[in-house]
Amino acid sequence: MTETSLPKISVVVTCYNTRDYIAAAIRSVARQTLRDFECVIVDDASTDDSVAVIQRALDELKDARFSLARMEKNAGQTGATRRGLQLTKAPFVCFLDSDDLWHETFLERHLAAHLNESYAVGFTACNARLIDGSDTLIAGTVYWFGKDRAVADRGQAFAPIDAARVPTIDTDKKTATWQPQTPYRLYTKRLVHWVWVSTSSMMFRRSVIDLVFPDDDETYRLHMDFYIVVMAQMVSGSLLIDEALYSYRLHGRNFAANNPVLGGRLHMSARNWGATYATMLDRMLAAMVQNHDRFEAALGVRQYRKMLLHMQAARRPTIIAWIWRLRSLLV
């Protein structure tokens, strides 16, 4: 096929008081091997000098693909992201947190994954390296990526580690180099548990984002990522890229990843998220019922009813939940 062209990509970077990291995030977008993208940086009314740092970075780049939008008042995660979506139009969209870094092939690899010949998914997601506030590597991967954390190493006193996943250390250059990996996994289950890293690791079809993006900025000032990812998974599934294509930064001021101790099955967050997840699931269910016409038009009546039953099952005790899942099989 010679008359087709690659789709463009929109990049939305939201920033609130991350003056120390936002310039590096912007530069990581500028270094992408795939060049056909637009990038808008939305400053969510920062109270530090983030705007000045952003403007300085853009002045140095002199790149027409980049622009800055400033919120007049702080709108939170959803409001700032919504503004970025309004200012972009490409059929694929990525959200980069202002304290994370993309590796150079991030956009290229994600777009290639979306264009696979086997299955069209709503979003792709990759693994991550972990770095600290000074860009120093502290872990080669996020251990739970693509796993149910509760059973990932159950019953394994000695779990084997693939030697191909251990880096080569260059002691002179003080660098670590990993072998290229190319495995992909299709994730189609309608289960409400987190197997990804963060939205910085993902590329979405805009049509899916338009369907699942929350309507209310104030209600979803926080946890927008959980909402849109779980909803998108329920709607269309995801494709996991088992390779670290970005760096997730642990700098001590992360909202969610606030556990300073890494190792084994330790969670990166010391918080108990049970109540938050329950609240978010209730909001998802309410949105699906309130906007049933929109979801039915996209999914069809049968798929919509299945999705609703799976979401309802997630809010019930285990035994009762299985009854709801069985009901979904009969739809």
C-alpha atoms as a PDB file:
ATOM      1  CA  MET A   1       0.000   0.000   0.000  1.00  0.00           C
ATOM      2  CA  THR A   2       1.696   3.189  -1.171  1.00  0.00           C
ATOM      3  CA  GLU A   3      -0.985   5.847  -0.709  1.00  0.00           C
ATOM      4  CA  THR A   4      -1.431   5.546   3.033  1.00  0.00           C
ATOM      5  CA  SER A   5       0.377   7.673   5.604  1.00  0.00           C
ATOM      6  CA  LEU A   6       1.206   7.204   9.260  1.00  0.00           C
ATOM      7  CA  PRO A   7      -1.196   8.813  11.734  1.00  0.00           C
ATOM      8  CA  LYS A   8      -0.074  11.829  13.703  1.00  0.00           C
ATOM      9  CA  ILE A   9       0.245  11.787  17.473  1.00  0.00           C
ATOM     10  CA  SER A  10      -0.795  14.357  20.058  1.00  0.00           C
ATOM     11  CA  VAL A  11       1.256  14.701  23.236  1.00  0.00           C
ATOM     12  CA  VAL A  12      -0.220  16.395  26.305  1.00  0.00           C
ATOM     13  CA  VAL A  13       2.165  17.268  29.145  1.00  0.00           C
ATOM     14  CA  THR A  14       0.507  18.632  32.285  1.00  0.00           C
ATOM     15  CA  CYS A  15       2.556  20.525  34.846  1.00  0.00           C
ATOM     16  CA  TYR A  16       1.914  21.748  38.367  1.00  0.00           C
ATOM     17  CA  ASN A  17       4.876  22.973  40.426  1.00  0.00           C
ATOM     18  CA  THR A  18       7.501  20.692  38.867  1.00  0.00           C
ATOM     19  CA  ARG A  19      10.075  23.299  37.914  1.00  0.00           C
ATOM     20  CA  ASP A  20      12.931  20.869  38.612  1.00  0.00           C
ATOM     21  CA  TYR A  21      11.804  18.265  36.078  1.00  0.00           C
ATOM     22  CA  ILE A  22       9.528  19.774  33.427  1.00  0.00           C
ATOM     23  CA  ALA A  23      12.331  20.931  31.086  1.00  0.00           C
ATOM     24  CA  ALA A  24      13.813  17.422  30.986  1.00  0.00           C
ATOM     25  CA  ALA A  25      10.369  15.977  30.236  1.00  0.00           C
ATOM     26  CA  ILE A  26       9.939  18.397  27.321  1.00  0.00           C
ATOM     27  CA  ARG A  27      13.386  17.574  25.951  1.00  0.00           C
ATOM     28  CA  SER A  28      12.577  13.851  26.101  1.00  0.00           C
ATOM     29  CA  VAL A  29       9.616  14.503  23.785  1.00  0.00           C
ATOM     30  CA  ALA A  30      11.765  16.576  21.430  1.00  0.00           C
ATOM     31  CA  ARG A  31      14.281  13.714  21.109  1.00  0.00           C
ATOM     32  CA  GLN A  32      11.724  11.231  19.760  1.00  0.00           C
ATOM     33  CA  THR A  33      12.764   9.253  16.666  1.00  0.00           C
ATOM     34  CA  LEU A  34       9.196   9.527  15.365  1.00  0.00           C
ATOM     35  CA  ARG A  35       8.944  13.198  14.442  1.00  0.00           C
ATOM     36  CA  ASP A  36       5.344  13.718  13.300  1.00  0.00           C
ATOM     37  CA  PHE A  37       3.673  14.842  16.512  1.00  0.00           C
ATOM     38  CA  GLU A  38       2.239  17.912  18.216  1.00  0.00           C
ATOM     39  CA  CYS A  39       2.932  18.653  21.865  1.00  0.00           C
ATOM     40  CA  VAL A  40       1.095  21.023  24.168  1.00  0.00           C
ATOM     41  CA  ILE A  41       2.355  21.695  27.690  1.00  0.00           C
ATOM     42  CA  VAL A  42      -0.460  22.739  30.020  1.00  0.00           C
ATOM     43  CA  ASP A  43       0.615  24.575  33.156  1.00  0.00           C
ATOM     44  CA  ASP A  44      -2.104  24.123  35.780  1.00  0.00           C
ATOM     45  CA  ALA A  45      -1.612  27.528  37.470  1.00  0.00           C
ATOM     46  CA  SER A  46       1.717  26.605  39.092  1.00  0.00           C
ATOM     47  CA  THR A  47       2.752  28.716  42.062  1.00  0.00           C
ATOM     48  CA  ASP A  48       6.483  28.198  41.486  1.00  0.00           C
ATOM     49  CA  ASP A  49       8.384  29.340  38.383  1.00  0.00           C
ATOM     50  CA  SER A  50       7.421  26.329  36.249  1.00  0.00           C
ATOM     51  CA  VAL A  51       6.048  28.594  33.507  1.00  0.00           C
ATOM     52  CA  ALA A  52       9.352  30.429  33.181  1.00  0.00           C
ATOM     53  CA  VAL A  53      11.207  27.105  33.015  1.00  0.00           C
ATOM     54  CA  ILE A  54       8.820  25.806  30.330  1.00  0.00           C
ATOM     55  CA  GLN A  55       9.124  28.976  28.272  1.00  0.00           C
ATOM     56  CA  ARG A  56      12.911  28.848  28.506  1.00  0.00           C
ATOM     57  CA  ALA A  57      12.915  25.241  27.293  1.00  0.00           C
ATOM     58  CA  LEU A  58      10.610  26.107  24.367  1.00  0.00           C
ATOM     59  CA  ASP A  59      12.731  29.129  23.437  1.00  0.00           C
ATOM     60  CA  GLU A  60      15.797  26.882  23.314  1.00  0.00           C
ATOM     61  CA  LEU A  61      14.038  24.270  21.179  1.00  0.00           C
ATOM     62  CA  LYS A  62      12.520  26.744  18.685  1.00  0.00           C
ATOM     63  CA  ASP A  63      10.218  23.934  17.565  1.00  0.00           C
ATOM     64  CA  ALA A  64       6.792  24.752  16.105  1.00  0.00           C
ATOM     65  CA  ARG A  65       5.440  21.386  17.230  1.00  0.00           C
ATOM     66  CA  PHE A  66       5.508  22.576  20.855  1.00  0.00           C
ATOM     67  CA  SER A  67       3.186  25.082  22.515  1.00  0.00           C
ATOM     68  CA  LEU A  68       2.353  26.273  26.026  1.00  0.00           C
ATOM     69  CA  ALA A  69      -1.119  26.735  27.476  1.00  0.00           C
ATOM     70  CA  ARG A  70      -1.618  28.343  30.879  1.00  0.00           C
ATOM     71  CA  MET A  71      -4.619  27.678  33.106  1.00  0.00           C
ATOM     72  CA  GLU A  72      -5.907  30.807  34.842  1.00  0.00           C
ATOM     73  CA  LYS A  73      -6.723  28.823  37.976  1.00  0.00           C
ATOM     74  CA  ASN A  74      -5.757  25.364  39.151  1.00  0.00           C
ATOM     75  CA  ALA A  75      -8.127  22.798  37.638  1.00  0.00           C
ATOM     76  CA  GLY A  76      -6.525  19.550  38.774  1.00  0.00           C
ATOM     77  CA  GLN A  77      -5.435  16.546  36.751  1.00  0.00           C
ATOM     78  CA  THR A  78      -8.593  16.169  34.677  1.00  0.00           C
ATOM     79  CA  GLY A  79      -9.141  19.846  33.915  1.00  0.00           C
ATOM     80  CA  ALA A  80      -5.551  20.386  32.784  1.00  0.00           C
ATOM     81  CA  THR A  81      -5.633  17.256  30.627  1.00  0.00           C
ATOM     82  CA  ARG A  82      -8.974  18.261  29.114  1.00  0.00           C
ATOM     83  CA  ARG A  83      -7.462  21.595  28.085  1.00  0.00           C
ATOM     84  CA  GLY A  84      -4.607  19.771  26.365  1.00  0.00           C
ATOM     85  CA  LEU A  85      -7.055  17.529  24.518  1.00  0.00           C
ATOM     86  CA  GLN A  86      -9.010  20.566  23.334  1.00  0.00           C
ATOM     87  CA  LEU A  87      -5.848  22.055  21.835  1.00  0.00           C
ATOM     88  CA  THR A  88      -4.769  18.926  19.956  1.00  0.00           C
ATOM     89  CA  LYS A  89      -6.427  16.810  17.279  1.00  0.00           C
ATOM     90  CA  ALA A  90      -4.336  13.776  16.244  1.00  0.00           C
ATOM     91  CA  PRO A  91      -6.025  10.320  16.244  1.00  0.00           C
ATOM     92  CA  PHE A  92      -3.539   8.983  18.795  1.00  0.00           C
ATOM     93  CA  VAL A  93      -2.744  10.745  22.058  1.00  0.00           C
ATOM     94  CA  CYS A  94      -0.185  10.331  24.857  1.00  0.00           C
ATOM     95  CA  PHE A  95      -0.081  11.888  28.318  1.00  0.00           C
ATOM     96  CA  LEU A  96       3.364  12.539  29.806  1.00  0.00           C
ATOM     97  CA  ASP A  97       3.652  13.438  33.477  1.00  0.00           C
ATOM     98  CA  SER A  98       5.925  16.429  33.924  1.00  0.00           C
ATOM     99  CA  ASP A  99       8.373  14.550  36.162  1.00  0.00           C
ATOM    100  CA  ASP A 100       8.817  11.496  33.897  1.00  0.00           C
ATOM    101  CA  LEU A 101      11.055  10.944  30.859  1.00  0.00           C
ATOM    102  CA  TRP A 102      10.387   9.172  27.568  1.00  0.00           C
ATOM    103  CA  HIS A 103      13.133   7.160  25.928  1.00  0.00           C
ATOM    104  CA  GLU A 104      13.864   8.138  22.315  1.00  0.00           C
ATOM    105  CA  THR A 105      11.862   5.338  20.673  1.00  0.00           C
ATOM    106  CA  PHE A 106       8.766   5.683  22.871  1.00  0.00           C
ATOM    107  CA  LEU A 107       6.400   7.088  20.221  1.00  0.00           C
ATOM    108  CA  GLU A 108       7.821   4.940  17.439  1.00  0.00           C
ATOM    109  CA  ARG A 109       7.425   1.680  19.354  1.00  0.00           C
ATOM    110  CA  HIS A 110       3.942   2.482  20.615  1.00  0.00           C
ATOM    111  CA  LEU A 111       2.640   3.458  17.202  1.00  0.00           C
ATOM    112  CA  ALA A 112       4.115   0.279  15.692  1.00  0.00           C
ATOM    113  CA  ALA A 113       2.337  -1.744  18.402  1.00  0.00           C
ATOM    114  CA  HIS A 114      -0.976  -0.051  17.582  1.00  0.00           C
ATOM    115  CA  LEU A 115      -0.512  -0.869  13.897  1.00  0.00           C
ATOM    116  CA  ASN A 116       0.017  -4.598  14.463  1.00  0.00           C
ATOM    117  CA  GLU A 117      -1.807  -6.980  12.124  1.00  0.00           C
ATOM    118  CA  SER A 118      -3.447  -9.079  14.850  1.00  0.00           C
ATOM    119  CA  TYR A 119      -5.651  -6.900  17.045  1.00  0.00           C
ATOM    120  CA  ALA A 120      -6.641  -3.241  17.344  1.00  0.00           C
ATOM    121  CA  VAL A 121      -6.658  -2.104  20.977  1.00  0.00           C
ATOM    122  CA  GLY A 122      -7.723   1.059  22.753  1.00  0.00           C
ATOM    123  CA  PHE A 123      -4.299   1.708  24.246  1.00  0.00           C
ATOM    124  CA  THR A 124      -0.766   0.381  24.476  1.00  0.00           C
ATOM    125  CA  ALA A 125       1.401   0.403  27.598  1.00  0.00           C
ATOM    126  CA  CYS A 126       5.080  -0.291  28.262  1.00  0.00           C
ATOM    127  CA  ASN A 127       7.256  -1.033  31.263  1.00  0.00           C
ATOM    128  CA  ALA A 128       9.521   1.542  32.938  1.00  0.00           C
ATOM    129  CA  ARG A 129      12.931   2.110  34.428  1.00  0.00           C
ATOM    130  CA  LEU A 130      12.912   3.760  37.853  1.00  0.00           C
ATOM    131  CA  ILE A 131      15.021   6.870  38.403  1.00  0.00           C
ATOM    132  CA  ASP A 132      15.437   9.271  41.296  1.00  0.00           C
ATOM    133  CA  GLY A 133      15.294  13.049  41.407  1.00  0.00           C
ATOM    134  CA  SER A 134      18.790  13.393  39.962  1.00  0.00           C
ATOM    135  CA  ASP A 135      18.204  11.057  36.963  1.00  0.00           C
ATOM    136  CA  THR A 136      20.071   8.172  38.614  1.00  0.00           C
ATOM    137  CA  LEU A 137      18.836   4.642  37.815  1.00  0.00           C
ATOM    138  CA  ILE A 138      17.488   2.848  40.875  1.00  0.00           C
ATOM    139  CA  ALA A 139      15.639  -0.129  39.280  1.00  0.00           C
ATOM    140  CA  GLY A 140      15.568  -1.717  35.850  1.00  0.00           C
ATOM    141  CA  THR A 141      11.853  -2.411  35.763  1.00  0.00           C
ATOM    142  CA  VAL A 142       8.510  -2.092  37.528  1.00  0.00           C
ATOM    143  CA  TYR A 143       8.034  -5.642  38.800  1.00  0.00           C
ATOM    144  CA  TRP A 144       4.252  -5.832  38.637  1.00  0.00           C
ATOM    145  CA  PHE A 145       3.910  -4.766  34.988  1.00  0.00           C
ATOM    146  CA  GLY A 146       1.520  -7.159  33.272  1.00  0.00           C
ATOM    147  CA  LYS A 147       0.987  -9.225  36.428  1.00  0.00           C
ATOM    148  CA  ASP A 148      -1.613  -9.793  39.079  1.00  0.00           C
ATOM    149  CA  ARG A 149       0.534  -8.684  42.009  1.00  0.00           C
ATOM    150  CA  ALA A 150      -1.340 -10.843  44.500  1.00  0.00           C
ATOM    151  CA  VAL A 151      -0.250 -14.084  42.807  1.00  0.00           C
ATOM    152  CA  ALA A 152       2.829 -13.052  40.800  1.00  0.00           C
ATOM    153  CA  ASP A 153       5.316 -15.086  42.860  1.00  0.00           C
ATOM    154  CA  ARG A 154       3.004 -17.139  45.042  1.00  0.00           C
ATOM    155  CA  GLY A 155       4.472 -20.559  45.866  1.00  0.00           C
ATOM    156  CA  GLN A 156       7.869 -19.685  44.364  1.00  0.00           C
ATOM    157  CA  ALA A 157      10.607 -19.696  46.976  1.00  0.00           C
ATOM    158  CA  PHE A 158      13.147 -19.289  44.178  1.00  0.00           C
ATOM    159  CA  ALA A 159      11.802 -17.492  41.115  1.00  0.00           C
ATOM    160  CA  PRO A 160      14.097 -17.647  38.059  1.00  0.00           C
ATOM    161  CA  ILE A 161      15.342 -14.432  36.466  1.00  0.00           C
ATOM    162  CA  ASP A 162      16.042 -14.431  32.718  1.00  0.00           C
ATOM    163  CA  ALA A 163      19.709 -13.553  32.200  1.00  0.00           C
ATOM    164  CA  ALA A 164      18.731 -11.604  29.074  1.00  0.00           C
ATOM    165  CA  ARG A 165      16.921  -9.119  31.338  1.00  0.00           C
ATOM    166  CA  VAL A 166      20.067  -8.295  33.355  1.00  0.00           C
ATOM    167  CA  PRO A 167      21.985  -5.281  31.981  1.00  0.00           C
ATOM    168  CA  THR A 168      25.616  -4.992  31.030  1.00  0.00           C
ATOM    169  CA  ILE A 169      27.409  -2.450  33.211  1.00  0.00           C
ATOM    170  CA  ASP A 170      30.029  -0.221  31.588  1.00  0.00           C
ATOM    171  CA  THR A 171      32.186   0.792  34.530  1.00  0.00           C
ATOM    172  CA  ASP A 172      34.096   3.424  32.531  1.00  0.00           C
ATOM    173  CA  LYS A 173      31.043   5.198  31.133  1.00  0.00           C
ATOM    174  CA  LYS A 174      29.011   4.436  34.276  1.00  0.00           C
ATOM    175  CA  THR A 175      26.078   3.204  32.197  1.00  0.00           C
ATOM    176  CA  ALA A 176      23.794   0.178  32.114  1.00  0.00           C
ATOM    177  CA  THR A 177      22.725  -1.363  28.801  1.00  0.00           C
ATOM    178  CA  TRP A 178      19.870  -3.847  28.423  1.00  0.00           C
ATOM    179  CA  GLN A 179      19.364  -6.236  25.507  1.00  0.00           C
ATOM    180  CA  PRO A 180      16.524  -5.128  23.177  1.00  0.00           C
ATOM    181  CA  GLN A 181      13.244  -6.894  23.937  1.00  0.00           C
ATOM    182  CA  THR A 182      10.292  -7.225  21.577  1.00  0.00           C
ATOM    183  CA  PRO A 183       7.591  -9.308  23.308  1.00  0.00           C
ATOM    184  CA  TYR A 184       3.987  -8.082  23.211  1.00  0.00           C
ATOM    185  CA  ARG A 185       0.987  -9.326  25.181  1.00  0.00           C
ATOM    186  CA  LEU A 186      -2.668  -8.699  24.457  1.00  0.00           C
ATOM    187  CA  TYR A 187      -4.663  -8.003  27.623  1.00  0.00           C
ATOM    188  CA  THR A 188      -8.393  -8.409  27.090  1.00  0.00           C
ATOM    189  CA  LYS A 189      -9.782  -9.326  30.532  1.00  0.00           C
ATOM    190  CA  ARG A 190     -12.493  -7.147  32.007  1.00  0.00           C
ATOM    191  CA  LEU A 191     -11.017  -7.187  35.500  1.00  0.00           C
ATOM    192  CA  VAL A 192     -10.555  -4.168  37.721  1.00  0.00           C
ATOM    193  CA  HIS A 193      -6.965  -4.421  38.903  1.00  0.00           C
ATOM    194  CA  TRP A 194      -3.892  -2.442  37.910  1.00  0.00           C
ATOM    195  CA  VAL A 195      -1.323  -4.224  35.717  1.00  0.00           C
ATOM    196  CA  TRP A 196       0.202  -1.133  34.061  1.00  0.00           C
ATOM    197  CA  VAL A 197       2.661   1.527  35.288  1.00  0.00           C
ATOM    198  CA  SER A 198       1.340   5.075  34.749  1.00  0.00           C
ATOM    199  CA  THR A 199      -0.322   7.015  31.958  1.00  0.00           C
ATOM    200  CA  SER A 200       3.155   8.217  30.922  1.00  0.00           C
ATOM    201  CA  SER A 201       3.649   4.641  29.663  1.00  0.00           C
ATOM    202  CA  MET A 202       0.648   4.675  27.343  1.00  0.00           C
ATOM    203  CA  MET A 203      -0.616   5.672  23.902  1.00  0.00           C
ATOM    204  CA  PHE A 204      -4.411   5.913  23.464  1.00  0.00           C
ATOM    205  CA  ARG A 205      -6.709   6.037  20.494  1.00  0.00           C
ATOM    206  CA  ARG A 206      -8.411   9.400  20.763  1.00  0.00           C
ATOM    207  CA  SER A 207     -11.763   7.817  19.930  1.00  0.00           C
ATOM    208  CA  VAL A 208     -11.475   5.734  23.119  1.00  0.00           C
ATOM    209  CA  ILE A 209     -10.425   8.756  25.194  1.00  0.00           C
ATOM    210  CA  ASP A 210     -13.387  10.712  23.820  1.00  0.00           C
ATOM    211  CA  LEU A 211     -15.665   7.879  24.955  1.00  0.00           C
ATOM    212  CA  VAL A 212     -14.327   7.327  28.477  1.00  0.00           C
ATOM    213  CA  PHE A 213     -12.932  10.706  29.548  1.00  0.00           C
ATOM    214  CA  PRO A 214     -14.753  11.970  32.674  1.00  0.00           C
ATOM    215  CA  ASP A 215     -17.243  14.830  32.320  1.00  0.00           C
ATOM    216  CA  ASP A 216     -16.566  16.557  35.650  1.00  0.00           C
ATOM    217  CA  ASP A 217     -13.197  18.252  36.286  1.00  0.00           C
ATOM    218  CA  GLU A 218     -13.807  18.941  39.965  1.00  0.00           C
ATOM    219  CA  THR A 219     -14.927  15.411  40.885  1.00  0.00           C
ATOM    220  CA  TYR A 220     -11.890  13.943  39.157  1.00  0.00           C
ATOM    221  CA  ARG A 221      -9.224  16.433  40.207  1.00  0.00           C
ATOM    222  CA  LEU A 222      -7.204  13.350  41.195  1.00  0.00           C
ATOM    223  CA  HIS A 223      -7.137   9.718  40.033  1.00  0.00           C
ATOM    224  CA  MET A 224      -8.115  10.555  36.438  1.00  0.00           C
ATOM    225  CA  ASP A 225      -5.487   8.021  35.305  1.00  0.00           C
ATOM    226  CA  PHE A 226      -7.174   5.143  37.172  1.00  0.00           C
ATOM    227  CA  TYR A 227     -10.548   6.159  35.786  1.00  0.00           C
ATOM    228  CA  ILE A 228      -9.641   6.419  32.102  1.00  0.00           C
ATOM    229  CA  VAL A 229      -7.327   3.380  32.057  1.00  0.00           C
ATOM    230  CA  VAL A 230      -9.768   0.985  33.716  1.00  0.00           C
ATOM    231  CA  MET A 231     -12.639   2.290  31.586  1.00  0.00           C
ATOM    232  CA  ALA A 232     -10.538   1.986  28.411  1.00  0.00           C
ATOM    233  CA  GLN A 233      -9.531  -1.567  29.359  1.00  0.00           C
ATOM    234  CA  MET A 234     -13.169  -2.487  29.916  1.00  0.00           C
ATOM    235  CA  VAL A 235     -14.147  -1.016  26.562  1.00  0.00           C
ATOM    236  CA  SER A 236     -11.368  -2.174  24.273  1.00  0.00           C
ATOM    237  CA  GLY A 237      -8.445  -3.964  25.936  1.00  0.00           C
ATOM    238  CA  SER A 238      -4.765  -3.059  25.838  1.00  0.00           C
ATOM    239  CA  LEU A 239      -1.497  -4.265  24.338  1.00  0.00           C
ATOM    240  CA  LEU A 240       1.453  -4.591  26.715  1.00  0.00           C
ATOM    241  CA  ILE A 241       4.976  -3.903  25.464  1.00  0.00           C
ATOM    242  CA  ASP A 242       7.317  -5.880  27.714  1.00  0.00           C
ATOM    243  CA  GLU A 243      10.126  -3.375  27.468  1.00  0.00           C
ATOM    244  CA  ALA A 244      10.963  -0.238  29.422  1.00  0.00           C
ATOM    245  CA  LEU A 245      10.450   2.701  27.037  1.00  0.00           C
ATOM    246  CA  TYR A 246      10.308   5.459  29.654  1.00  0.00           C
ATOM    247  CA  SER A 247      11.621   6.375  33.091  1.00  0.00           C
ATOM    248  CA  TYR A 248       9.303   6.795  36.061  1.00  0.00           C
ATOM    249  CA  ARG A 249      10.765   9.242  38.543  1.00  0.00           C
ATOM    250  CA  LEU A 250      10.699   8.703  42.306  1.00  0.00           C
ATOM    251  CA  HIS A 251      11.739  12.058  43.734  1.00  0.00           C
ATOM    252  CA  GLY A 252      10.168  11.987  47.182  1.00  0.00           C
ATOM    253  CA  ARG A 253       7.222  14.233  46.342  1.00  0.00           C
ATOM    254  CA  ASN A 254       5.193  11.766  44.262  1.00  0.00           C
ATOM    255  CA  PHE A 255       1.520  11.743  45.176  1.00  0.00           C
ATOM    256  CA  ALA A 256       0.949   8.006  44.694  1.00  0.00           C
ATOM    257  CA  ALA A 257       4.418   6.418  44.700  1.00  0.00           C
ATOM    258  CA  ASN A 258       5.404   7.609  48.160  1.00  0.00           C
ATOM    259  CA  ASN A 259       7.120   4.525  49.597  1.00  0.00           C
ATOM    260  CA  PRO A 260      10.897   5.210  49.834  1.00  0.00           C
ATOM    261  CA  VAL A 261      11.701   1.496  50.253  1.00  0.00           C
ATOM    262  CA  LEU A 262      11.965  -0.648  47.108  1.00  0.00           C
ATOM    263  CA  GLY A 263      12.353  -4.411  47.006  1.00  0.00           C
ATOM    264  CA  GLY A 264      10.497  -7.631  46.287  1.00  0.00           C
ATOM    265  CA  ARG A 265       6.738  -7.283  46.501  1.00  0.00           C
ATOM    266  CA  LEU A 266       6.806  -3.978  48.364  1.00  0.00           C
ATOM    267  CA  HIS A 267       4.290  -1.559  46.911  1.00  0.00           C
ATOM    268  CA  MET A 268       5.562   1.794  45.686  1.00  0.00           C
ATOM    269  CA  SER A 269       2.718   3.399  47.597  1.00  0.00           C
ATOM    270  CA  ALA A 270       2.347   3.063  51.348  1.00  0.00           C
ATOM    271  CA  ARG A 271      -1.286   4.161  51.151  1.00  0.00           C
ATOM    272  CA  ASN A 272      -4.290   1.854  51.341  1.00  0.00           C
ATOM    273  CA  TRP A 273      -6.058   2.527  48.042  1.00  0.00           C
ATOM    274  CA  GLY A 274      -9.061   0.286  48.696  1.00  0.00           C
ATOM    275  CA  ALA A 275     -11.481   3.079  49.577  1.00  0.00           C
ATOM    276  CA  THR A 276     -10.272   5.251  46.686  1.00  0.00           C
ATOM    277  CA  TYR A 277     -10.689   2.437  44.166  1.00  0.00           C
ATOM    278  CA  ALA A 278     -14.177   1.677  45.494  1.00  0.00           C
ATOM    279  CA  THR A 279     -15.158   5.330  45.118  1.00  0.00           C
ATOM    280  CA  MET A 280     -13.771   5.474  41.575  1.00  0.00           C
ATOM    281  CA  LEU A 281     -15.609   2.291  40.581  1.00  0.00           C
ATOM    282  CA  ASP A 282     -18.861   3.726  41.901  1.00  0.00           C
ATOM    283  CA  ARG A 283     -18.253   6.844  39.794  1.00  0.00           C
ATOM    284  CA  MET A 284     -17.507   4.726  36.732  1.00  0.00           C
ATOM    285  CA  LEU A 285     -20.753   2.822  37.164  1.00  0.00           C
ATOM    286  CA  ALA A 286     -22.688   6.059  37.609  1.00  0.00           C
ATOM    287  CA  ALA A 287     -21.127   7.492  34.444  1.00  0.00           C
ATOM    288  CA  MET A 288     -21.943   4.372  32.450  1.00  0.00           C
ATOM    289  CA  VAL A 289     -25.575   4.478  33.557  1.00  0.00           C
ATOM    290  CA  GLN A 290     -25.917   8.228  33.074  1.00  0.00           C
ATOM    291  CA  ASN A 291     -24.309   8.104  29.619  1.00  0.00           C
ATOM    292  CA  HIS A 292     -25.744   4.770  28.538  1.00  0.00           C
ATOM    293  CA  ASP A 293     -26.751   6.094  25.113  1.00  0.00           C
ATOM    294  CA  ARG A 294     -23.171   7.097  24.349  1.00  0.00           C
ATOM    295  CA  PHE A 295     -21.736   3.778  25.526  1.00  0.00           C
ATOM    296  CA  GLU A 296     -24.403   1.698  23.790  1.00  0.00           C
ATOM    297  CA  ALA A 297     -23.771   3.552  20.532  1.00  0.00           C
ATOM    298  CA  ALA A 298     -20.041   2.736  20.751  1.00  0.00           C
ATOM    299  CA  LEU A 299     -20.220  -0.796  22.156  1.00  0.00           C
ATOM    300  CA  GLY A 300     -23.610  -2.112  21.130  1.00  0.00           C
ATOM    301  CA  VAL A 301     -26.280  -3.078  23.648  1.00  0.00           C
ATOM    302  CA  ARG A 302     -24.853  -6.547  24.381  1.00  0.00           C
ATOM    303  CA  GLN A 303     -21.273  -5.409  25.007  1.00  0.00           C
ATOM    304  CA  TYR A 304     -22.508  -2.479  27.068  1.00  0.00           C
ATOM    305  CA  ARG A 305     -24.529  -4.805  29.321  1.00  0.00           C
ATOM    306  CA  LYS A 306     -21.543  -7.146  29.712  1.00  0.00           C
ATOM    307  CA  MET A 307     -19.282  -4.274  30.699  1.00  0.00           C
ATOM    308  CA  LEU A 308     -21.840  -2.978  33.192  1.00  0.00           C
ATOM    309  CA  LEU A 309     -22.182  -6.417  34.818  1.00  0.00           C
ATOM    310  CA  HIS A 310     -18.403  -6.799  35.131  1.00  0.00           C
ATOM    311  CA  MET A 311     -18.133  -3.379  36.762  1.00  0.00           C
ATOM    312  CA  GLN A 312     -20.964  -4.226  39.152  1.00  0.00           C
ATOM    313  CA  ALA A 313     -19.245  -7.526  40.011  1.00  0.00           C
ATOM    314  CA  ALA A 314     -16.108  -5.629  41.011  1.00  0.00           C
ATOM    315  CA  ARG A 315     -18.084  -3.839  43.742  1.00  0.00           C
ATOM    316  CA  ARG A 316     -19.434  -7.011  45.368  1.00  0.00           C
ATOM    317  CA  PRO A 317     -18.008  -9.704  47.697  1.00  0.00           C
ATOM    318  CA  THR A 318     -16.177 -12.510  45.905  1.00  0.00           C
ATOM    319  CA  ILE A 319     -18.930 -15.154  45.922  1.00  0.00           C
ATOM    320  CA  ILE A 320     -21.636 -12.718  44.824  1.00  0.00           C
ATOM    321  CA  ALA A 321     -19.258 -11.240  42.250  1.00  0.00           C
ATOM    322  CA  TRP A 322     -19.011 -14.602  40.520  1.00  0.00           C
ATOM    323  CA  ILE A 323     -22.801 -14.650  40.164  1.00  0.00           C
ATOM    324  CA  TRP A 324     -22.656 -11.304  38.352  1.00  0.00           C
ATOM    325  CA  ARG A 325     -19.847 -12.554  36.105  1.00  0.00           C
ATOM    326  CA  LEU A 326     -21.867 -15.650  35.257  1.00  0.00           C
ATOM    327  CA  ARG A 327     -24.788 -13.401  34.403  1.00  0.00           C
ATOM    328  CA  SER A 328     -22.518 -11.534  31.993  1.00  0.00           C
ATOM    329  CA  LEU A 329     -21.824 -14.801  30.146  1.00  0.00           C
ATOM    330  CA  LEU A 330     -25.538 -15.215  29.517  1.00  0.00           C
ATOM    331  CA  VAL A 331     -25.984 -11.786  27.949  1.00  0.00           C
END
